[in-house]
Amino acid sequence: MATVSELVARGAHHGLRVLGAGDPAAGEAAETAEVREVATVGDLASVGSPGAGTLVVLMASALRAAEPYEVDVAVRRSAQRSHAGLVLVGAERVPVTAARIASRAGLPLLAVPATADVNELIVWLNRTVRGGTSDTVARAEAVLDVLARGAAGDDEAEDGGVAALLAAVSDALGRPVELHGGAGGLGGVGGARGAGGAVAGSAGGAGDGPADPGAVLVGERVVGTVRCAVPDRAADLVIPSVAAAVGRLVRRTLEHRFAPSQTRAELLAQIVVAEPTHLVGLTEQARSIGLPVDSTHVAFWVDLRPRHDGEGDPPIAERRRLLSSAEMLCLEIMHPSDTWWHVVRVGGSLLLLASDDDGGDGRVLVRAARADVDVAVARLVADEGAVVHVGMGTDQRGLGGIRQSSVEARSAAELALRTGRPGVITVMDTTGLRRVLADLHASPLSRRVMDELLAPVDALGATRAATAVRTLTAYLDHQCSPKHAGAALHLHPNAVTYRIQRITETLGVDLSDPDVRLGLHLACRMRGLLDAAPAS
């Protein structure tokens, strides 16, 4: 059985509300008195017929032509019969005398709108009063009605945020429903706290991941978990639907918040992969969508890989899920930052671009940007268990600077990956040589030309090709001196001479030609670009 107060709390979706002075939430008798049954009455004269403990529903037809004194008499009869409450269908108010009678007798006066489906209300009341399976079904249906109204485009739920939605769900369910682990993950989209539900902090964690029935997913990332505060069968039935609704609400809020950044991110992806000669045509387009073209920029390239203990590479689906989660996490961390950030997906990696109009001095920008990226990397490792390799470019100005810093950051990230430096920010050297090589490496034309120069030794196999490139690099680094190259390679000079002879025969080149030497030296240096560099 249920009390009148519980029925009012759960029946908001039917329009059930307190009417007049007999407030069930204020009287102790109304709080504890149980409703034994529900009866429908079609005329005022029959109000006294149902027995004690009955919740009497007085139909709208009985009230249309009723005089105030007739309503007073009906209320007095209901009070004398010790009814649990009197529901007046379609009533906006009651005569003052009737309200006083109800108040003195402790009789709750309730109402539903004239437009309410009374048959549906009666079915719901009977199920709830009888309890057991009927009550479970009734409360679950009430929650689904709340969610259906929101899905149909109820803007009030979205304006109120997650907390307002959970408050409505809690009222319909008659049990408090909360969101755990959402304070950081939702980035402030929870809205004001509602009367029945709450957006909790980190208590409760994120559950058991995406498989948890209450997991709130934005894309493929778990941002929180919906929980009922007390064990309840009806809650078990509807929690997955509530979690899905919360996820949709959070996603709409984040999409609205980050929509301008996503538009600019698409153009940034083009800038990063474009040839330098094509940047001029992108400048006006960048300005038209608010990209800070003329500011100072510093880029970070983030290579993400799931922690994988099995053989081979991790599944593509797992890498895609991690990339989606990392993108959302970086947006949430960097959106409130004082630095102007853009988060861009490029292939299977993330480009994080920080911009600031600092008058050309990028030191302040670099310090602030590194601090934000350090936080993001720590969260990715802790929350997602990711293996993260990060490269940072130098601070540059203008649209060309965006591309230059991004190219450097990408090469630095590849360096970190190859040399095993996860979780730290790796930078290019300060001499500028590696930055020039990185720019050449970023050009598809340059890569194709250099690969063609070394293609004959590549055909020998990976091991022999690596030995040949290493030998040729040392030989050219030491001005074609077998003695000095041998010292660097720990080989006898005669062995170096023999190797170089075989290499030149395989390549079909003449090293006495300075153009050939320059081309091969660049090709070898580009091939070994990621072999070593300092981390910072």
Protein backbone atom coordinates (compact mmCIF):
# COMPACT_ATOMS: atom_id res chain seq x y z
CA MET A 1 0.00 0.00 0.00
CA ALA A 2 0.95 3.66 -0.40
CA THR A 3 0.26 6.90 1.44
CA VAL A 4 -1.33 9.93 -0.18
CA SER A 5 2.01 11.75 0.01
CA GLU A 6 3.70 8.96 -1.96
CA LEU A 7 0.95 9.02 -4.57
CA VAL A 8 1.34 12.76 -5.06
CA ALA A 9 5.11 12.40 -5.36
CA ARG A 10 4.81 9.64 -7.95
CA GLY A 11 1.78 10.94 -9.81
CA ALA A 12 3.17 14.19 -11.16
CA HIS A 13 3.20 12.72 -14.68
CA HIS A 14 -0.60 12.36 -14.43
CA GLY A 15 -0.97 15.93 -13.18
CA LEU A 16 -1.85 14.82 -9.65
CA ARG A 17 -1.31 17.72 -7.25
CA VAL A 18 -2.34 19.09 -3.87
CA LEU A 19 -5.40 21.35 -3.87
CA GLY A 20 -6.41 23.67 -1.06
CA ALA A 21 -5.32 23.63 2.54
CA GLY A 22 -5.24 19.88 3.11
CA ASP A 23 -1.56 19.55 2.23
CA PRO A 24 -0.56 15.89 2.54
CA ALA A 25 3.06 16.84 2.93
CA ALA A 26 2.26 18.92 6.02
CA GLY A 27 -0.02 16.68 8.05
CA GLU A 28 1.42 13.78 10.00
CA ALA A 29 -1.76 11.74 9.57
CA ALA A 30 -1.64 12.11 5.81
CA GLU A 31 2.02 11.07 5.78
CA THR A 32 1.35 7.79 7.60
CA ALA A 33 -2.23 6.85 6.64
CA GLU A 34 -2.30 4.21 3.94
CA VAL A 35 -4.68 4.21 1.00
CA ARG A 36 -6.51 0.90 1.11
CA GLU A 37 -8.38 1.18 -2.13
CA VAL A 38 -9.41 3.58 -4.89
CA ALA A 39 -13.02 4.40 -5.74
CA THR A 40 -14.55 6.50 -8.53
CA VAL A 41 -17.65 8.59 -7.80
CA GLY A 42 -19.83 10.19 -10.47
CA ASP A 43 -22.00 12.51 -8.29
CA LEU A 44 -21.65 14.48 -5.07
CA ALA A 45 -24.34 12.52 -3.23
CA SER A 46 -22.32 9.31 -3.51
CA VAL A 47 -19.11 10.66 -2.00
CA GLY A 48 -19.93 9.10 1.38
CA SER A 49 -20.45 5.60 0.01
CA PRO A 50 -16.85 4.25 -0.11
CA GLY A 51 -15.41 2.95 3.15
CA ALA A 52 -12.63 4.29 5.36
CA GLY A 53 -9.14 4.49 3.91
CA THR A 54 -10.45 4.92 0.36
CA LEU A 55 -9.00 7.47 -2.04
CA VAL A 56 -12.14 8.86 -3.70
CA VAL A 57 -11.91 10.22 -7.25
CA LEU A 58 -14.77 12.65 -7.94
CA MET A 59 -15.38 12.94 -11.68
CA ALA A 60 -15.47 16.32 -13.43
CA SER A 61 -19.13 15.89 -14.45
CA ALA A 62 -20.16 16.00 -10.78
CA LEU A 63 -18.46 19.35 -10.23
CA ARG A 64 -19.51 21.31 -13.30
CA ALA A 65 -22.90 22.51 -12.00
CA ALA A 66 -22.27 22.06 -8.28
CA GLU A 67 -22.99 24.90 -5.89
CA PRO A 68 -20.32 25.83 -3.32
CA TYR A 69 -22.38 24.51 -0.43
CA GLU A 70 -22.75 21.14 -2.20
CA VAL A 71 -18.98 20.86 -2.43
CA ASP A 72 -18.78 21.70 1.30
CA VAL A 73 -21.21 18.87 2.09
CA ALA A 74 -19.28 16.39 -0.07
CA VAL A 75 -15.99 17.28 1.63
CA ARG A 76 -17.61 16.91 5.10
CA ARG A 77 -19.02 13.48 4.18
CA SER A 78 -15.62 12.36 2.92
CA ALA A 79 -14.00 13.50 6.16
CA GLN A 80 -16.66 11.77 8.28
CA ARG A 81 -16.05 8.49 6.42
CA SER A 82 -12.29 8.79 7.17
CA HIS A 83 -11.34 8.69 3.53
CA ALA A 84 -7.66 8.75 2.74
CA GLY A 85 -8.18 11.66 0.36
CA LEU A 86 -10.50 13.26 -2.19
CA VAL A 87 -9.40 13.80 -5.81
CA LEU A 88 -11.39 16.45 -7.69
CA VAL A 89 -11.04 15.97 -11.46
CA GLY A 90 -10.81 19.26 -13.34
CA ALA A 91 -10.98 21.48 -10.25
CA GLU A 92 -8.78 24.57 -10.23
CA ARG A 93 -9.80 25.58 -6.71
CA VAL A 94 -12.37 24.78 -4.02
CA PRO A 95 -14.58 27.09 -1.96
CA VAL A 96 -12.79 28.55 1.05
CA THR A 97 -15.25 26.83 3.40
CA ALA A 98 -14.55 23.42 1.83
CA ALA A 99 -10.81 23.97 2.17
CA ARG A 100 -11.23 24.82 5.86
CA ILE A 101 -13.34 21.73 6.48
CA ALA A 102 -10.69 19.54 4.82
CA SER A 103 -7.88 21.21 6.74
CA ARG A 104 -9.55 20.74 10.15
CA ALA A 105 -10.32 17.11 9.38
CA GLY A 106 -6.86 16.36 7.97
CA LEU A 107 -8.42 15.31 4.67
CA PRO A 108 -6.08 15.75 1.71
CA LEU A 109 -7.74 17.49 -1.24
CA LEU A 110 -6.13 16.63 -4.56
CA ALA A 111 -6.81 17.51 -8.17
CA VAL A 112 -5.91 16.52 -11.72
CA PRO A 113 -6.45 18.61 -14.86
CA ALA A 114 -9.68 18.19 -16.83
CA THR A 115 -7.54 17.09 -19.77
CA ALA A 116 -6.04 14.17 -17.84
CA ASP A 117 -6.82 10.62 -18.92
CA VAL A 118 -8.90 9.60 -15.89
CA ASN A 119 -9.08 5.94 -16.90
CA GLU A 120 -5.30 5.77 -17.08
CA LEU A 121 -5.07 7.59 -13.72
CA ILE A 122 -7.42 5.08 -12.04
CA VAL A 123 -5.45 2.12 -13.41
CA TRP A 124 -2.21 3.65 -12.17
CA LEU A 125 -3.65 4.44 -8.73
CA ASN A 126 -4.98 0.90 -8.30
CA ARG A 127 -1.68 -0.66 -9.31
CA THR A 128 0.26 1.61 -6.97
CA VAL A 129 -2.09 1.07 -4.02
CA ARG A 130 -2.10 -2.71 -4.42
CA GLY A 131 1.71 -2.76 -4.50
CA GLY A 132 3.76 -5.79 -5.54
CA THR A 133 4.12 -6.38 -9.25
CA SER A 134 1.39 -3.89 -10.10
CA ASP A 135 3.17 -1.12 -8.21
CA THR A 136 6.48 -1.98 -9.86
CA VAL A 137 4.94 -1.80 -13.31
CA ALA A 138 3.09 1.43 -12.50
CA ARG A 139 6.22 3.22 -11.29
CA ALA A 140 8.29 1.95 -14.20
CA GLU A 141 5.64 3.20 -16.63
CA ALA A 142 5.64 6.57 -14.88
CA VAL A 143 9.37 6.93 -15.41
CA LEU A 144 9.07 5.92 -19.07
CA ASP A 145 6.37 8.57 -19.50
CA VAL A 146 8.79 11.18 -18.14
CA LEU A 147 11.50 10.04 -20.55
CA ALA A 148 9.06 9.91 -23.48
CA ARG A 149 8.03 13.52 -22.90
CA GLY A 150 11.67 14.54 -22.93
CA ALA A 151 12.37 12.56 -26.12
CA ALA A 152 9.37 14.22 -27.79
CA GLY A 153 11.10 17.58 -27.49
CA ASP A 154 10.33 18.88 -24.02
CA ASP A 155 12.77 21.82 -23.91
CA GLU A 156 12.26 22.35 -20.19
CA ALA A 157 14.07 19.11 -19.38
CA GLU A 158 17.05 20.15 -21.48
CA ASP A 159 17.12 23.69 -20.08
CA GLY A 160 17.12 22.31 -16.53
CA GLY A 161 20.02 20.00 -17.25
CA VAL A 162 20.71 16.50 -16.02
CA ALA A 163 19.67 17.28 -12.44
CA ALA A 164 16.19 18.41 -13.54
CA LEU A 165 15.71 15.21 -15.53
CA LEU A 166 16.79 13.07 -12.58
CA ALA A 167 14.49 15.02 -10.26
CA ALA A 168 11.51 14.26 -12.53
CA VAL A 169 12.53 10.60 -12.74
CA SER A 170 12.90 10.42 -8.94
CA ASP A 171 9.43 11.92 -8.45
CA ALA A 172 7.86 9.41 -10.84
CA LEU A 173 9.74 6.47 -9.34
CA GLY A 174 9.26 7.47 -5.74
CA ARG A 175 12.92 6.76 -5.10
CA PRO A 176 15.95 9.08 -5.36
CA VAL A 177 17.93 8.55 -8.56
CA GLU A 178 21.46 9.99 -8.76
CA LEU A 179 24.29 10.32 -11.22
CA HIS A 180 27.65 9.23 -9.82
CA GLY A 181 31.06 10.04 -11.21
CA GLY A 182 29.64 12.88 -13.31
CA ALA A 183 31.15 15.96 -11.73
CA GLY A 184 34.33 15.92 -13.80
CA GLY A 185 33.12 13.94 -16.77
CA LEU A 186 30.12 16.12 -17.56
CA GLY A 187 32.01 19.35 -17.50
CA GLY A 188 29.26 21.32 -15.75
CA VAL A 189 26.29 20.31 -17.90
CA GLY A 190 24.35 19.00 -14.94
CA GLY A 191 22.42 22.22 -14.36
CA ALA A 192 20.82 23.06 -11.04
CA ARG A 193 20.19 20.35 -8.51
CA GLY A 194 16.63 19.07 -8.60
CA ALA A 195 14.37 18.19 -5.71
CA GLY A 196 14.49 14.42 -6.16
CA GLY A 197 17.61 13.60 -8.16
CA ALA A 198 21.18 14.77 -7.93
CA VAL A 199 24.38 14.99 -9.89
CA ALA A 200 26.77 13.43 -7.41
CA GLY A 201 30.52 13.81 -7.34
CA SER A 202 32.98 11.03 -7.81
CA ALA A 203 31.31 8.81 -5.25
CA GLY A 204 30.28 5.59 -6.78
CA GLY A 205 32.83 5.79 -9.57
CA ALA A 206 31.99 4.93 -13.11
CA GLY A 207 30.60 1.49 -12.39
CA ASP A 208 31.71 -1.46 -14.44
CA GLY A 209 32.28 0.47 -17.65
CA PRO A 210 30.06 0.42 -20.76
CA ALA A 211 28.50 -2.92 -19.74
CA ASP A 212 27.04 -1.41 -16.55
CA PRO A 213 23.22 -1.01 -16.96
CA GLY A 214 23.45 2.52 -15.54
CA ALA A 215 26.47 3.62 -17.58
CA VAL A 216 26.01 7.04 -19.20
CA LEU A 217 27.78 7.03 -22.56
CA VAL A 218 28.78 10.01 -24.66
CA GLY A 219 30.00 8.45 -27.87
CA GLU A 220 31.88 5.47 -26.51
CA ARG A 221 33.07 7.09 -23.29
CA VAL A 222 31.51 6.43 -19.89
CA VAL A 223 30.98 9.84 -18.22
CA GLY A 224 29.00 8.64 -15.19
CA THR A 225 26.67 6.03 -13.81
CA VAL A 226 22.97 6.35 -12.92
CA ARG A 227 22.06 4.70 -9.62
CA CYS A 228 18.92 4.38 -7.50
CA ALA A 229 19.75 5.25 -3.89
CA VAL A 230 17.83 2.24 -2.52
CA PRO A 231 17.31 -1.27 -3.91
CA ASP A 232 14.16 -1.21 -6.03
CA ARG A 233 12.81 -3.56 -8.70
CA ALA A 234 11.12 -0.79 -10.70
CA ALA A 235 14.39 1.15 -10.74
CA ASP A 236 16.22 -1.92 -12.04
CA LEU A 237 13.79 -2.01 -14.98
CA VAL A 238 14.17 1.63 -16.01
CA ILE A 239 17.75 2.57 -15.06
CA PRO A 240 19.14 1.60 -18.53
CA SER A 241 16.56 3.87 -20.19
CA VAL A 242 17.31 6.70 -17.75
CA ALA A 243 21.04 6.35 -18.40
CA ALA A 244 20.45 6.48 -22.16
CA ALA A 245 18.33 9.64 -21.77
CA VAL A 246 20.99 11.31 -19.62
CA GLY A 247 23.61 10.38 -22.22
CA ARG A 248 21.55 11.97 -25.00
CA LEU A 249 21.06 15.13 -22.96
CA VAL A 250 24.77 15.40 -22.16
CA ARG A 251 25.70 14.76 -25.79
CA ARG A 252 23.31 17.47 -27.07
CA THR A 253 24.74 19.94 -24.56
CA LEU A 254 28.34 19.16 -25.46
CA GLU A 255 27.63 19.22 -29.19
CA HIS A 256 26.05 22.65 -28.82
CA ARG A 257 28.98 23.88 -26.74
CA PHE A 258 31.71 22.52 -29.01
CA ALA A 259 30.02 22.95 -32.43
CA PRO A 260 32.08 26.03 -33.41
CA SER A 261 35.31 24.25 -32.40
CA GLN A 262 34.36 21.19 -34.45
CA THR A 263 33.81 23.35 -37.55
CA ARG A 264 37.22 24.96 -37.12
CA ALA A 265 38.75 21.55 -36.43
CA GLU A 266 37.76 20.35 -39.91
CA LEU A 267 39.65 23.24 -41.49
CA LEU A 268 42.64 22.70 -39.21
CA ALA A 269 42.85 19.10 -40.38
CA GLN A 270 43.10 20.39 -43.97
CA ILE A 271 45.82 22.90 -42.99
CA VAL A 272 47.94 20.22 -41.34
CA VAL A 273 48.00 17.92 -44.37
CA ALA A 274 48.10 20.64 -47.04
CA GLU A 275 51.17 21.46 -49.09
CA PRO A 276 52.72 24.82 -48.09
CA THR A 277 51.77 26.33 -51.47
CA HIS A 278 48.09 25.64 -50.79
CA LEU A 279 47.91 27.57 -47.51
CA VAL A 280 47.19 30.93 -49.16
CA GLY A 281 43.78 29.74 -50.36
CA LEU A 282 42.85 28.63 -46.84
CA THR A 283 43.65 31.89 -45.06
CA GLU A 284 40.42 33.79 -45.77
CA GLN A 285 38.36 30.69 -45.13
CA ALA A 286 40.03 30.35 -41.72
CA ARG A 287 39.34 33.99 -40.82
CA SER A 288 35.71 33.71 -41.88
CA ILE A 289 35.01 31.00 -39.27
CA GLY A 290 36.86 32.71 -36.45
CA LEU A 291 40.14 30.78 -36.51
CA PRO A 292 42.82 33.00 -34.89
CA VAL A 293 45.04 32.95 -37.95
CA ASP A 294 47.37 35.79 -36.97
CA SER A 295 47.98 34.61 -33.40
CA THR A 296 50.85 32.59 -31.99
CA HIS A 297 50.30 28.83 -32.04
CA VAL A 298 51.88 25.77 -30.48
CA ALA A 299 50.84 22.26 -31.49
CA PHE A 300 50.83 18.96 -29.61
CA TRP A 301 50.46 15.64 -31.41
CA VAL A 302 48.99 12.85 -29.28
CA ASP A 303 49.42 9.22 -30.32
CA LEU A 304 46.99 7.00 -28.39
CA ARG A 305 47.08 3.25 -28.02
CA PRO A 306 45.05 1.02 -25.70
CA ARG A 307 47.11 -0.89 -23.16
CA HIS A 308 47.24 -4.29 -24.84
CA ASP A 309 48.87 -7.33 -23.23
CA GLY A 310 48.00 -9.87 -25.94
CA GLU A 311 49.82 -10.64 -29.15
CA GLY A 312 49.59 -8.33 -32.12
CA ASP A 313 48.00 -4.89 -32.27
CA PRO A 314 44.89 -4.00 -30.24
CA PRO A 315 41.56 -4.29 -32.10
CA ILE A 316 40.63 -1.38 -34.34
CA ALA A 317 37.33 -0.95 -32.48
CA GLU A 318 39.20 -0.47 -29.21
CA ARG A 319 41.50 2.16 -30.72
CA ARG A 320 38.49 3.97 -32.20
CA ARG A 321 36.72 3.96 -28.84
CA LEU A 322 39.82 5.30 -27.11
CA LEU A 323 40.20 8.08 -29.70
CA SER A 324 36.58 9.15 -29.25
CA SER A 325 36.89 9.16 -25.46
CA ALA A 326 40.19 11.05 -25.57
CA GLU A 327 38.75 13.73 -27.86
CA MET A 328 35.84 14.36 -25.48
CA LEU A 329 38.10 14.33 -22.42
CA CYS A 330 40.49 16.87 -23.96
CA LEU A 331 37.59 19.14 -24.92
CA GLU A 332 36.25 19.00 -21.38
CA ILE A 333 39.64 19.79 -19.83
CA MET A 334 40.66 22.53 -22.26
CA HIS A 335 37.33 24.25 -22.88
CA PRO A 336 37.41 26.22 -19.57
CA SER A 337 41.14 27.02 -19.97
CA ASP A 338 42.32 30.60 -20.53
CA THR A 339 44.22 29.35 -23.59
CA TRP A 340 42.38 29.15 -26.92
CA TRP A 341 42.40 25.42 -27.68
CA HIS A 342 41.34 23.33 -30.66
CA VAL A 343 41.14 19.53 -30.56
CA VAL A 344 41.42 17.89 -33.98
CA ARG A 345 41.27 14.26 -35.08
CA VAL A 346 43.86 13.54 -37.74
CA GLY A 347 43.85 9.90 -38.73
CA GLY A 348 44.16 7.84 -35.58
CA SER A 349 45.76 10.62 -33.51
CA LEU A 350 44.77 13.90 -31.87
CA LEU A 351 46.19 17.31 -32.70
CA LEU A 352 45.91 19.78 -29.82
CA LEU A 353 46.48 23.36 -30.99
CA ALA A 354 46.90 26.19 -28.48
CA SER A 355 46.63 29.78 -29.72
CA ASP A 356 47.11 33.17 -28.08
CA ASP A 357 47.50 36.74 -29.33
CA ASP A 358 50.53 37.44 -27.15
CA GLY A 359 52.33 39.89 -29.39
CA GLY A 360 54.88 37.37 -30.61
CA ASP A 361 56.29 36.17 -27.27
CA GLY A 362 55.19 32.54 -27.15
CA ARG A 363 56.86 31.62 -23.84
CA VAL A 364 53.76 32.30 -21.76
CA LEU A 365 51.62 30.34 -24.24
CA VAL A 366 54.03 27.39 -24.23
CA ARG A 367 54.07 27.20 -20.42
CA ALA A 368 50.28 27.38 -20.11
CA ALA A 369 49.70 24.95 -22.97
CA ARG A 370 52.14 22.38 -21.58
CA ALA A 371 50.41 22.54 -18.20
CA ASP A 372 47.02 21.81 -19.80
CA VAL A 373 48.43 18.96 -21.89
CA ASP A 374 50.13 17.45 -18.83
CA VAL A 375 46.73 17.33 -17.11
CA ALA A 376 45.11 15.74 -20.18
CA VAL A 377 47.84 13.10 -20.49
CA ALA A 378 47.56 12.21 -16.80
CA ARG A 379 43.79 11.82 -17.13
CA LEU A 380 44.11 9.68 -20.27
CA VAL A 381 46.53 7.35 -18.50
CA ALA A 382 44.52 7.20 -15.26
CA ASP A 383 40.95 7.12 -16.64
CA GLU A 384 41.41 5.27 -19.92
CA GLY A 385 44.53 3.21 -19.23
CA ALA A 386 45.97 4.52 -22.49
CA VAL A 387 49.57 4.44 -23.67
CA VAL A 388 50.16 8.04 -24.69
CA HIS A 389 53.06 9.46 -26.71
CA VAL A 390 53.06 13.25 -27.09
CA GLY A 391 55.11 15.48 -29.34
CA MET A 392 55.26 19.27 -29.12
CA GLY A 393 56.11 21.71 -31.88
CA THR A 394 57.70 25.13 -31.50
CA ASP A 395 55.62 28.28 -31.12
CA GLN A 396 54.88 29.80 -34.52
CA ARG A 397 52.75 32.66 -35.86
CA GLY A 398 50.21 32.72 -38.68
CA LEU A 399 48.52 30.04 -40.72
CA GLY A 400 51.85 28.70 -41.93
CA GLY A 401 52.91 28.54 -38.30
CA ILE A 402 49.97 26.25 -37.52
CA ARG A 403 51.15 23.80 -40.14
CA GLN A 404 54.84 24.10 -39.16
CA SER A 405 54.22 23.54 -35.45
CA SER A 406 51.87 20.64 -36.24
CA VAL A 407 54.46 18.97 -38.50
CA GLU A 408 57.10 19.30 -35.79
CA ALA A 409 54.72 17.95 -33.15
CA ARG A 410 53.87 14.94 -35.30
CA SER A 411 57.52 14.11 -35.88
CA ALA A 412 58.26 14.52 -32.17
CA ALA A 413 55.38 12.17 -31.29
CA GLU A 414 56.72 9.57 -33.74
CA LEU A 415 60.11 10.01 -32.09
CA ALA A 416 58.59 9.43 -28.65
CA LEU A 417 56.85 6.30 -29.93
CA ARG A 418 59.96 4.85 -31.54
CA THR A 419 62.27 5.59 -28.63
CA GLY A 420 59.81 4.46 -25.95
CA ARG A 421 58.91 7.67 -24.12
CA PRO A 422 55.24 7.31 -23.12
CA GLY A 423 53.54 9.85 -20.90
CA VAL A 424 56.07 12.68 -21.41
CA ILE A 425 56.11 15.57 -23.86
CA THR A 426 58.85 15.15 -26.45
CA VAL A 427 60.14 18.12 -28.47
CA MET A 428 62.28 18.49 -31.56
CA ASP A 429 65.89 19.70 -31.29
CA THR A 430 66.61 23.40 -30.94
CA THR A 431 69.10 23.65 -33.85
CA GLY A 432 66.36 23.68 -36.45
CA LEU A 433 67.76 20.84 -38.59
CA ARG A 434 65.22 18.30 -37.46
CA ARG A 435 62.46 20.87 -37.95
CA VAL A 436 63.55 21.26 -41.61
CA LEU A 437 63.67 17.49 -42.04
CA ALA A 438 60.29 17.17 -40.35
CA ASP A 439 58.81 19.63 -42.84
CA LEU A 440 60.29 17.64 -45.74
CA HIS A 441 58.98 14.44 -44.20
CA ALA A 442 55.47 15.95 -44.04
CA SER A 443 55.41 16.56 -47.80
CA PRO A 444 54.09 13.60 -49.81
CA LEU A 445 56.23 14.67 -52.78
CA SER A 446 59.42 14.80 -50.70
CA ARG A 447 58.72 11.43 -49.12
CA ARG A 448 58.08 9.86 -52.51
CA VAL A 449 61.33 11.23 -54.00
CA MET A 450 63.41 10.12 -51.02
CA ASP A 451 61.79 6.68 -50.93
CA GLU A 452 62.55 6.23 -54.63
CA LEU A 453 66.24 7.01 -54.01
CA LEU A 454 66.47 4.26 -51.37
CA ALA A 455 64.06 1.80 -53.00
CA PRO A 456 66.82 -0.55 -54.35
CA VAL A 457 68.26 -1.18 -50.87
CA ASP A 458 64.76 -1.47 -49.39
CA ALA A 459 64.20 -4.35 -51.80
CA LEU A 460 66.95 -6.28 -49.97
CA GLY A 461 64.77 -6.65 -46.89
CA ALA A 462 64.29 -4.66 -43.69
CA THR A 463 67.45 -5.83 -41.89
CA ARG A 464 69.87 -5.39 -44.81
CA ALA A 465 68.24 -2.09 -45.77
CA ALA A 466 68.64 -0.71 -42.23
CA THR A 467 72.33 -1.72 -42.22
CA ALA A 468 72.89 -0.10 -45.62
CA VAL A 469 71.18 3.17 -44.64
CA ARG A 470 73.09 3.32 -41.35
CA THR A 471 76.43 2.73 -43.15
CA LEU A 472 75.68 5.26 -45.90
CA THR A 473 74.56 7.87 -43.35
CA ALA A 474 77.79 7.55 -41.35
CA TYR A 475 79.89 7.66 -44.54
CA LEU A 476 78.20 10.85 -45.78
CA ASP A 477 78.17 12.42 -42.28
CA HIS A 478 81.97 12.07 -42.19
CA GLN A 479 82.65 13.58 -45.63
CA CYS A 480 83.03 10.16 -47.28
CA SER A 481 85.92 9.16 -44.99
CA PRO A 482 86.08 5.35 -44.46
CA LYS A 483 88.33 5.89 -41.42
CA HIS A 484 85.98 8.23 -39.53
CA ALA A 485 82.85 6.39 -40.63
CA GLY A 486 84.45 3.13 -39.46
CA ALA A 487 85.15 4.63 -36.04
CA ALA A 488 81.51 5.72 -35.73
CA LEU A 489 80.26 2.30 -36.84
CA HIS A 490 82.93 0.30 -34.96
CA LEU A 491 84.11 -1.20 -38.26
CA HIS A 492 87.47 -1.48 -40.01
CA PRO A 493 87.84 1.17 -42.76
CA ASN A 494 88.21 -1.62 -45.33
CA ALA A 495 84.82 -3.01 -44.25
CA VAL A 496 83.24 0.42 -44.71
CA THR A 497 84.79 0.72 -48.19
CA TYR A 498 83.46 -2.72 -49.13
CA ARG A 499 79.96 -1.91 -47.87
CA ILE A 500 79.85 1.45 -49.68
CA GLN A 501 80.92 -0.20 -52.91
CA ARG A 502 78.11 -2.75 -52.63
CA ILE A 503 75.60 -0.02 -51.69
CA THR A 504 76.48 2.24 -54.63
CA GLU A 505 76.25 -0.73 -56.99
CA THR A 506 72.81 -1.61 -55.62
CA LEU A 507 71.61 2.01 -55.87
CA GLY A 508 73.26 2.57 -59.22
CA VAL A 509 74.70 5.96 -58.20
CA ASP A 510 78.02 7.82 -58.36
CA LEU A 511 78.95 9.42 -55.03
CA SER A 512 81.41 11.73 -56.72
CA ASP A 513 78.40 13.73 -57.96
CA PRO A 514 77.57 16.40 -55.28
CA ASP A 515 73.86 16.41 -56.19
CA VAL A 516 73.70 12.65 -55.70
CA ARG A 517 75.46 12.95 -52.34
CA LEU A 518 73.08 15.70 -51.18
CA GLY A 519 69.98 13.78 -52.25
CA LEU A 520 71.13 10.56 -50.61
CA HIS A 521 72.20 12.39 -47.45
CA LEU A 522 68.76 13.98 -47.11
CA ALA A 523 67.06 10.65 -47.79
CA CYS A 524 69.15 8.90 -45.14
CA ARG A 525 68.63 11.68 -42.62
CA MET A 526 64.87 11.63 -43.22
CA ARG A 527 64.88 7.86 -42.83
CA GLY A 528 66.69 8.21 -39.49
CA LEU A 529 64.81 11.32 -38.39
CA LEU A 530 63.13 9.54 -35.49
CA ASP A 531 66.14 7.59 -34.28
CA ALA A 532 67.09 9.95 -31.48
CA ALA A 533 66.17 13.30 -29.99
CA PRO A 534 65.91 14.76 -26.51
CA ALA A 535 62.73 14.61 -24.45
CA SER A 536 61.64 17.65 -22.52
